[in-house]
Structures are given as C-alpha cells and as structure tokens.
Amino acid sequence: GPAHLFRLAGKCFSFVESTYKYEFCPFHNVTQHEQTFRWNAYSGILGIWDEWEIDNNTFVGMWMREGDSCETKSRQTKVHLVCGKSNKLAYVSEPSTCVYSLTFETPLVCHPHSLLVYPTLTEALQRKWDEAEQLLYDELITDQGYKKILKEIFEEAGLLKATEEEEVEKQNKKISVEFETVEKCSKEYKQLSKEIKKLKDLLSQHGIAYKGNSGE
C-alpha cells in the first residue's frame, strides 16, 4: 500500500464506547476488550490485517479478517481512512453481525493523491495498467475485461488476496482457452478452423461422414 502510511505500523489507537475498548493497530489487528469487573469479561480479536479495499484507483479501506469465531464465521472489520488533524480512532459500529466498521482519522490521507493505487505499483505493473487503459480506449476489451485485468494487477501487487475460487480458475485457465482481446480471439479462431478442416479431410479419407454444423 501507500508507503507513507507505514509509519503507522507498530502503533495502536484506542476508542472507548460504553463498556468496550476497541484497539486498532494498523497492518496488524483490531481487538475489543470489555471494560468490566466481571470474571468472564470479553476480550477478543475482531480481525487480522488481510487486504485493501480498492475502488476507482483509490485505497478506500483496510480489511482485517479471520478474527475470533462468531457463530459459523470469523469476525471481520473494515477500517475507513479519513482525513483528520491527528491520528485517532474516531468511530466504531457493527453494521451486520460480527462485521465491524471503524473510522480512523489521520493527516496522512489528507492530500488528494495520498490514497491513489497507481503510484504504489512497480513499473512493470504500471505498464500493464497502461496497456489495459489503451486496450479499453481502442475498444479491444470490454469494461468487464478491464476490471478483471486491474484486479489481477492488484492481486499480483499483494494489495488484494485471490479467493480460493480464483486460484482454481487460474489453474483451469492453463487448460482452457481465454480471449482477452479481439485479436487473440481471431487468431485462435483461424487456427481452430484450420484444424477442423484437417480433421474433416482425414474423416473423408476414411469414408466417415462428418455430422457437425458450421457453428461448431
């Protein structure tokens, strides 16, 4: 992520609401501690640093996942980074069961470019992004294709984590044919047509009738 935010690493910020104290340690975890004298006061992890949430070339939040178990799932927290005069945990809510939302204020995100994704990437990945922009501009890929390439770039940069389904898909991709551009599709189509013609010729040589239609 943005290098200037790394100065927050190793620090923790707390927020007290009614009987609970919440603690956010950037790039580490989020915890909750019950401030009572009960013998079984709750103290637990609401999420461990996992990945960024990216929208429109901007880091919009930090996801802390795989916290303590909660019924059938793990607790998780999204931390929203907003501009503020000092570093402080300003607000905590639980929009849905065991999914928490934290608002963290910091002067480190006040500059309009402070949360842009592109500048944090390596030259190779920036080039890949530029190429995708050009393909989209030339209408050689769809908007969906463009978003897919961006997601792959972010995963390669370690900003997002690929899901298990995506990992399986990547393995399958090695055996399946995927057309990212119209040019690739045409090229592949011509090769397949040649191959079909060869096979048809072979069949007719052996006196076997070919029942396929032209669409196949």
C-alpha atoms as a PDB file:
ATOM      1  CA  GLY A   1       0.000   0.000   0.000  1.00  0.00           C
ATOM      2  CA  PRO A   2       0.978   3.682   0.271  1.00  0.00           C
ATOM      3  CA  ALA A   3       4.490   3.834   1.773  1.00  0.00           C
ATOM      4  CA  HIS A   4       3.749   6.991   3.804  1.00  0.00           C
ATOM      5  CA  LEU A   5       1.144   5.031   5.816  1.00  0.00           C
ATOM      6  CA  PHE A   6       3.762   2.534   7.003  1.00  0.00           C
ATOM      7  CA  ARG A   7       4.799   4.987   9.743  1.00  0.00           C
ATOM      8  CA  LEU A   8       1.564   3.891  11.476  1.00  0.00           C
ATOM      9  CA  ALA A   9       2.856   0.315  11.709  1.00  0.00           C
ATOM     10  CA  GLY A  10       3.798  -0.725  15.231  1.00  0.00           C
ATOM     11  CA  LYS A  11       1.407   1.812  16.787  1.00  0.00           C
ATOM     12  CA  CYS A  12      -2.047   1.205  18.273  1.00  0.00           C
ATOM     13  CA  PHE A  13      -5.017   3.553  18.673  1.00  0.00           C
ATOM     14  CA  SER A  14      -7.929   3.014  21.039  1.00  0.00           C
ATOM     15  CA  PHE A  15     -11.538   4.129  21.284  1.00  0.00           C
ATOM     16  CA  VAL A  16     -13.828   3.556  24.270  1.00  0.00           C
ATOM     17  CA  GLU A  17     -17.576   3.201  23.823  1.00  0.00           C
ATOM     18  CA  SER A  18     -19.829   2.320  26.787  1.00  0.00           C
ATOM     19  CA  THR A  19     -18.148  -0.739  28.367  1.00  0.00           C
ATOM     20  CA  TYR A  20     -15.954  -1.645  25.388  1.00  0.00           C
ATOM     21  CA  LYS A  21     -12.468  -0.537  24.448  1.00  0.00           C
ATOM     22  CA  TYR A  22     -11.549  -1.015  20.774  1.00  0.00           C
ATOM     23  CA  GLU A  23      -7.933  -1.037  19.669  1.00  0.00           C
ATOM     24  CA  PHE A  24      -6.731  -0.649  16.077  1.00  0.00           C
ATOM     25  CA  CYS A  25      -3.113  -1.500  15.270  1.00  0.00           C
ATOM     26  CA  PRO A  26      -2.610  -0.646  11.542  1.00  0.00           C
ATOM     27  CA  PHE A  27      -1.166  -3.503   9.450  1.00  0.00           C
ATOM     28  CA  HIS A  28      -1.602  -5.791  12.483  1.00  0.00           C
ATOM     29  CA  ASN A  29      -5.067  -6.275  14.015  1.00  0.00           C
ATOM     30  CA  VAL A  30      -8.223  -4.900  15.671  1.00  0.00           C
ATOM     31  CA  THR A  31      -9.216  -6.025  19.180  1.00  0.00           C
ATOM     32  CA  GLN A  32     -12.130  -5.468  21.557  1.00  0.00           C
ATOM     33  CA  HIS A  33     -11.914  -5.553  25.361  1.00  0.00           C
ATOM     34  CA  GLU A  34     -14.840  -5.418  27.762  1.00  0.00           C
ATOM     35  CA  GLN A  35     -14.126  -2.823  30.482  1.00  0.00           C
ATOM     36  CA  THR A  36     -15.951  -4.507  33.379  1.00  0.00           C
ATOM     37  CA  PHE A  37     -15.033  -6.365  36.534  1.00  0.00           C
ATOM     38  CA  ARG A  38     -16.990  -9.471  35.542  1.00  0.00           C
ATOM     39  CA  TRP A  39     -14.865 -12.604  35.842  1.00  0.00           C
ATOM     40  CA  ASN A  40     -15.625 -13.583  32.223  1.00  0.00           C
ATOM     41  CA  ALA A  41     -15.243 -10.151  30.599  1.00  0.00           C
ATOM     42  CA  TYR A  42     -14.968 -10.490  26.803  1.00  0.00           C
ATOM     43  CA  SER A  43     -11.660  -9.817  25.146  1.00  0.00           C
ATOM     44  CA  GLY A  44     -11.075 -10.833  21.555  1.00  0.00           C
ATOM     45  CA  ILE A  45      -9.753 -10.215  18.053  1.00  0.00           C
ATOM     46  CA  LEU A  46     -12.093  -8.524  15.573  1.00  0.00           C
ATOM     47  CA  GLY A  47      -9.760  -9.096  12.630  1.00  0.00           C
ATOM     48  CA  ILE A  48      -6.170  -9.522  11.475  1.00  0.00           C
ATOM     49  CA  TRP A  49      -4.669  -7.379   8.680  1.00  0.00           C
ATOM     50  CA  ASP A  50      -5.609  -9.004   5.376  1.00  0.00           C
ATOM     51  CA  GLU A  51      -6.012  -6.755   2.314  1.00  0.00           C
ATOM     52  CA  TRP A  52      -7.013  -3.366   0.937  1.00  0.00           C
ATOM     53  CA  GLU A  53     -10.378  -2.418  -0.474  1.00  0.00           C
ATOM     54  CA  ILE A  54      -9.810  -0.601  -3.769  1.00  0.00           C
ATOM     55  CA  ASP A  55     -12.329   1.443  -5.697  1.00  0.00           C
ATOM     56  CA  ASN A  56     -11.731   3.743  -8.669  1.00  0.00           C
ATOM     57  CA  ASN A  57      -7.880   3.650  -8.386  1.00  0.00           C
ATOM     58  CA  THR A  58      -8.123   4.566  -4.691  1.00  0.00           C
ATOM     59  CA  PHE A  59      -7.432   2.713  -1.427  1.00  0.00           C
ATOM     60  CA  VAL A  60     -10.784   3.164   0.331  1.00  0.00           C
ATOM     61  CA  GLY A  61     -10.298   0.900   3.327  1.00  0.00           C
ATOM     62  CA  MET A  62      -8.312  -1.775   5.132  1.00  0.00           C
ATOM     63  CA  TRP A  63      -9.856  -5.192   5.701  1.00  0.00           C
ATOM     64  CA  MET A  64      -8.969  -7.008   8.901  1.00  0.00           C
ATOM     65  CA  ARG A  65     -10.241 -10.596   8.638  1.00  0.00           C
ATOM     66  CA  GLU A  66     -10.072 -14.023  10.318  1.00  0.00           C
ATOM     67  CA  GLY A  67     -10.832 -12.657  13.791  1.00  0.00           C
ATOM     68  CA  ASP A  68     -12.322 -14.755  16.623  1.00  0.00           C
ATOM     69  CA  SER A  69     -15.069 -17.124  15.542  1.00  0.00           C
ATOM     70  CA  CYS A  70     -18.616 -15.862  15.689  1.00  0.00           C
ATOM     71  CA  GLU A  71     -21.319 -18.489  15.164  1.00  0.00           C
ATOM     72  CA  THR A  72     -20.383 -20.023  11.786  1.00  0.00           C
ATOM     73  CA  LYS A  73     -17.911 -17.379  10.560  1.00  0.00           C
ATOM     74  CA  SER A  74     -14.962 -15.275  11.735  1.00  0.00           C
ATOM     75  CA  ARG A  75     -15.252 -11.691  12.919  1.00  0.00           C
ATOM     76  CA  GLN A  76     -14.010  -9.122  10.405  1.00  0.00           C
ATOM     77  CA  THR A  77     -13.553  -5.367  10.327  1.00  0.00           C
ATOM     78  CA  LYS A  78     -13.330  -2.728   7.621  1.00  0.00           C
ATOM     79  CA  VAL A  79     -11.285   0.331   8.567  1.00  0.00           C
ATOM     80  CA  HIS A  80     -12.169   3.542   6.692  1.00  0.00           C
ATOM     81  CA  LEU A  81      -9.286   6.021   6.419  1.00  0.00           C
ATOM     82  CA  VAL A  82     -10.409   9.664   6.550  1.00  0.00           C
ATOM     83  CA  CYS A  83      -8.609  12.995   6.736  1.00  0.00           C
ATOM     84  CA  GLY A  84      -8.191  14.359  10.282  1.00  0.00           C
ATOM     85  CA  LYS A  85      -5.916  16.701  12.270  1.00  0.00           C
ATOM     86  CA  SER A  86      -4.408  13.854  14.276  1.00  0.00           C
ATOM     87  CA  ASN A  87      -4.151  10.043  14.203  1.00  0.00           C
ATOM     88  CA  LYS A  88      -7.169   8.743  16.086  1.00  0.00           C
ATOM     89  CA  LEU A  89      -9.793   6.044  16.084  1.00  0.00           C
ATOM     90  CA  ALA A  90     -12.948   8.146  15.789  1.00  0.00           C
ATOM     91  CA  TYR A  91     -15.901   5.802  15.427  1.00  0.00           C
ATOM     92  CA  VAL A  92     -16.848   2.115  15.722  1.00  0.00           C
ATOM     93  CA  SER A  93     -20.046   0.374  14.623  1.00  0.00           C
ATOM     94  CA  GLU A  94     -21.299  -3.134  13.817  1.00  0.00           C
ATOM     95  CA  PRO A  95     -23.353  -2.770  10.596  1.00  0.00           C
ATOM     96  CA  SER A  96     -24.044  -6.518  10.486  1.00  0.00           C
ATOM     97  CA  THR A  97     -23.466  -9.358  12.962  1.00  0.00           C
ATOM     98  CA  CYS A  98     -19.735  -9.791  13.602  1.00  0.00           C
ATOM     99  CA  VAL A  99     -18.774  -7.397  10.775  1.00  0.00           C
ATOM    100  CA  TYR A 100     -17.404  -4.191  12.275  1.00  0.00           C
ATOM    101  CA  SER A 101     -16.755  -0.787  10.778  1.00  0.00           C
ATOM    102  CA  LEU A 102     -14.039   1.537  12.118  1.00  0.00           C
ATOM    103  CA  THR A 103     -13.321   5.119  11.110  1.00  0.00           C
ATOM    104  CA  PHE A 104      -9.688   6.112  11.510  1.00  0.00           C
ATOM    105  CA  GLU A 105      -8.717   9.778  11.151  1.00  0.00           C
ATOM    106  CA  THR A 106      -5.204  10.687  10.039  1.00  0.00           C
ATOM    107  CA  PRO A 107      -3.466  13.684   8.406  1.00  0.00           C
ATOM    108  CA  LEU A 108      -1.592  11.132   6.252  1.00  0.00           C
ATOM    109  CA  VAL A 109      -4.579  10.826   3.882  1.00  0.00           C
ATOM    110  CA  CYS A 110      -5.475  14.497   3.542  1.00  0.00           C
ATOM    111  CA  HIS A 111      -3.551  15.062   0.302  1.00  0.00           C
ATOM    112  CA  PRO A 112      -5.853  14.332  -2.705  1.00  0.00           C
ATOM    113  CA  HIS A 113      -3.290  11.871  -4.130  1.00  0.00           C
ATOM    114  CA  SER A 114      -2.359  10.182  -0.859  1.00  0.00           C
ATOM    115  CA  LEU A 115      -4.536   7.105  -1.421  1.00  0.00           C
ATOM    116  CA  LEU A 116      -4.014   6.563  -5.155  1.00  0.00           C
ATOM    117  CA  VAL A 117      -3.115   2.985  -6.089  1.00  0.00           C
ATOM    118  CA  TYR A 118      -1.170   3.552  -9.350  1.00  0.00           C
ATOM    119  CA  PRO A 119       1.894   5.324  -7.798  1.00  0.00           C
ATOM    120  CA  THR A 120       2.398   2.446  -5.327  1.00  0.00           C
ATOM    121  CA  LEU A 121       2.843  -0.151  -8.102  1.00  0.00           C
ATOM    122  CA  THR A 122       6.075  -1.363  -9.681  1.00  0.00           C
ATOM    123  CA  GLU A 123       6.985  -0.069 -13.156  1.00  0.00           C
ATOM    124  CA  ALA A 124       6.063  -3.422 -14.726  1.00  0.00           C
ATOM    125  CA  LEU A 125       2.570  -3.365 -13.176  1.00  0.00           C
ATOM    126  CA  GLN A 126       2.103   0.314 -14.103  1.00  0.00           C
ATOM    127  CA  ARG A 127       2.953  -0.651 -17.690  1.00  0.00           C
ATOM    128  CA  LYS A 128       0.409  -3.469 -17.550  1.00  0.00           C
ATOM    129  CA  TRP A 129      -2.212  -0.980 -16.320  1.00  0.00           C
ATOM    130  CA  ASP A 130      -1.302   1.492 -19.113  1.00  0.00           C
ATOM    131  CA  GLU A 131      -1.703  -1.284 -21.695  1.00  0.00           C
ATOM    132  CA  ALA A 132      -5.119  -2.185 -20.265  1.00  0.00           C
ATOM    133  CA  GLU A 133      -6.163   1.501 -20.478  1.00  0.00           C
ATOM    134  CA  GLN A 134      -5.104   1.566 -24.146  1.00  0.00           C
ATOM    135  CA  LEU A 135      -6.968  -1.657 -24.951  1.00  0.00           C
ATOM    136  CA  LEU A 136     -10.098  -0.238 -23.310  1.00  0.00           C
ATOM    137  CA  TYR A 137      -9.718   3.050 -25.207  1.00  0.00           C
ATOM    138  CA  ASP A 138      -9.294   1.156 -28.501  1.00  0.00           C
ATOM    139  CA  GLU A 139     -12.377  -0.902 -27.584  1.00  0.00           C
ATOM    140  CA  LEU A 140     -10.383  -4.143 -27.822  1.00  0.00           C
ATOM    141  CA  ILE A 141     -11.543  -5.188 -24.356  1.00  0.00           C
ATOM    142  CA  THR A 142     -14.822  -4.624 -22.524  1.00  0.00           C
ATOM    143  CA  ASP A 143     -15.200  -2.663 -19.297  1.00  0.00           C
ATOM    144  CA  GLN A 144     -15.547  -6.018 -17.510  1.00  0.00           C
ATOM    145  CA  GLY A 145     -12.315  -7.263 -19.117  1.00  0.00           C
ATOM    146  CA  TYR A 146     -10.564  -4.074 -17.999  1.00  0.00           C
ATOM    147  CA  LYS A 147     -11.744  -4.501 -14.392  1.00  0.00           C
ATOM    148  CA  LYS A 148     -10.580  -8.127 -14.458  1.00  0.00           C
ATOM    149  CA  ILE A 149      -7.061  -7.078 -15.578  1.00  0.00           C
ATOM    150  CA  LEU A 150      -6.943  -4.419 -12.816  1.00  0.00           C
ATOM    151  CA  LYS A 151      -7.972  -6.997 -10.213  1.00  0.00           C
ATOM    152  CA  GLU A 152      -5.154  -9.283 -11.410  1.00  0.00           C
ATOM    153  CA  ILE A 153      -2.679  -6.366 -11.171  1.00  0.00           C
ATOM    154  CA  PHE A 154      -3.782  -5.608  -7.587  1.00  0.00           C
ATOM    155  CA  GLU A 155      -3.501  -9.287  -6.646  1.00  0.00           C
ATOM    156  CA  GLU A 156      -0.025  -9.501  -8.188  1.00  0.00           C
ATOM    157  CA  ALA A 157       0.982  -6.413  -6.184  1.00  0.00           C
ATOM    158  CA  GLY A 158      -0.223  -8.124  -2.995  1.00  0.00           C
ATOM    159  CA  LEU A 159      -2.884  -5.467  -2.349  1.00  0.00           C
ATOM    160  CA  LEU A 160      -5.748  -7.931  -2.773  1.00  0.00           C
ATOM    161  CA  LYS A 161      -5.882 -11.619  -1.990  1.00  0.00           C
ATOM    162  CA  ALA A 162      -7.095 -14.068  -4.618  1.00  0.00           C
ATOM    163  CA  THR A 163     -10.002 -16.195  -3.377  1.00  0.00           C
ATOM    164  CA  GLU A 164      -9.798 -19.988  -3.465  1.00  0.00           C
ATOM    165  CA  GLU A 165     -12.243 -19.997  -6.408  1.00  0.00           C
ATOM    166  CA  GLU A 166      -9.916 -17.660  -8.317  1.00  0.00           C
ATOM    167  CA  GLU A 167      -6.924 -19.882  -7.594  1.00  0.00           C
ATOM    168  CA  VAL A 168      -8.847 -22.844  -9.027  1.00  0.00           C
ATOM    169  CA  GLU A 169      -9.852 -20.711 -12.009  1.00  0.00           C
ATOM    170  CA  LYS A 170      -6.202 -19.770 -12.595  1.00  0.00           C
ATOM    171  CA  GLN A 171      -5.271 -23.446 -12.680  1.00  0.00           C
ATOM    172  CA  ASN A 172      -8.119 -24.152 -15.106  1.00  0.00           C
ATOM    173  CA  LYS A 173      -7.048 -21.226 -17.273  1.00  0.00           C
ATOM    174  CA  LYS A 174      -3.884 -23.111 -18.087  1.00  0.00           C
ATOM    175  CA  ILE A 175      -6.005 -25.759 -19.792  1.00  0.00           C
ATOM    176  CA  SER A 176      -8.812 -23.595 -21.124  1.00  0.00           C
ATOM    177  CA  VAL A 177      -8.696 -21.010 -23.887  1.00  0.00           C
ATOM    178  CA  GLU A 178      -9.380 -17.447 -22.843  1.00  0.00           C
ATOM    179  CA  PHE A 179      -9.600 -14.481 -25.183  1.00  0.00           C
ATOM    180  CA  GLU A 180      -8.627 -11.195 -23.551  1.00  0.00           C
ATOM    181  CA  THR A 181      -8.539  -9.308 -26.850  1.00  0.00           C
ATOM    182  CA  VAL A 182     -10.418  -9.471 -30.139  1.00  0.00           C
ATOM    183  CA  GLU A 183      -7.095 -10.008 -31.947  1.00  0.00           C
ATOM    184  CA  LYS A 184      -6.290 -13.091 -29.842  1.00  0.00           C
ATOM    185  CA  CYS A 185      -9.785 -14.429 -30.455  1.00  0.00           C
ATOM    186  CA  SER A 186      -9.488 -14.059 -34.256  1.00  0.00           C
ATOM    187  CA  LYS A 187      -6.050 -15.674 -34.283  1.00  0.00           C
ATOM    188  CA  GLU A 188      -7.279 -18.628 -32.221  1.00  0.00           C
ATOM    189  CA  TYR A 189     -10.398 -18.932 -34.407  1.00  0.00           C
ATOM    190  CA  LYS A 190      -8.299 -19.152 -37.600  1.00  0.00           C
ATOM    191  CA  GLN A 191      -6.087 -21.843 -36.054  1.00  0.00           C
ATOM    192  CA  LEU A 192      -9.100 -23.880 -34.922  1.00  0.00           C
ATOM    193  CA  SER A 193     -10.715 -23.555 -38.379  1.00  0.00           C
ATOM    194  CA  LYS A 194      -7.545 -24.941 -39.997  1.00  0.00           C
ATOM    195  CA  GLU A 195      -7.512 -27.791 -37.501  1.00  0.00           C
ATOM    196  CA  ILE A 196     -11.173 -28.647 -38.180  1.00  0.00           C
ATOM    197  CA  LYS A 197     -10.521 -28.630 -41.936  1.00  0.00           C
ATOM    198  CA  LYS A 198      -7.623 -31.090 -41.449  1.00  0.00           C
ATOM    199  CA  LEU A 199      -9.802 -33.363 -39.309  1.00  0.00           C
ATOM    200  CA  LYS A 200     -12.664 -33.217 -41.843  1.00  0.00           C
ATOM    201  CA  ASP A 201     -10.257 -34.197 -44.628  1.00  0.00           C
ATOM    202  CA  LEU A 202      -8.986 -37.105 -42.520  1.00  0.00           C
ATOM    203  CA  LEU A 203     -12.538 -38.302 -41.869  1.00  0.00           C
ATOM    204  CA  SER A 204     -13.491 -38.155 -45.551  1.00  0.00           C
ATOM    205  CA  GLN A 205     -10.309 -40.064 -46.452  1.00  0.00           C
ATOM    206  CA  HIS A 206     -11.558 -42.867 -44.203  1.00  0.00           C
ATOM    207  CA  GLY A 207     -15.072 -42.575 -45.572  1.00  0.00           C
ATOM    208  CA  ILE A 208     -16.561 -41.310 -42.290  1.00  0.00           C
ATOM    209  CA  ALA A 209     -19.379 -38.775 -42.630  1.00  0.00           C
ATOM    210  CA  TYR A 210     -18.955 -35.527 -40.627  1.00  0.00           C
ATOM    211  CA  LYS A 211     -22.226 -34.547 -38.986  1.00  0.00           C
ATOM    212  CA  GLY A 212     -21.204 -31.254 -37.314  1.00  0.00           C
ATOM    213  CA  ASN A 213     -22.679 -27.878 -38.311  1.00  0.00           C
ATOM    214  CA  SER A 214     -20.673 -24.812 -39.322  1.00  0.00           C
ATOM    215  CA  GLY A 215     -21.264 -23.171 -35.920  1.00  0.00           C
ATOM    216  CA  GLU A 216     -19.376 -25.986 -34.200  1.00  0.00           C
END
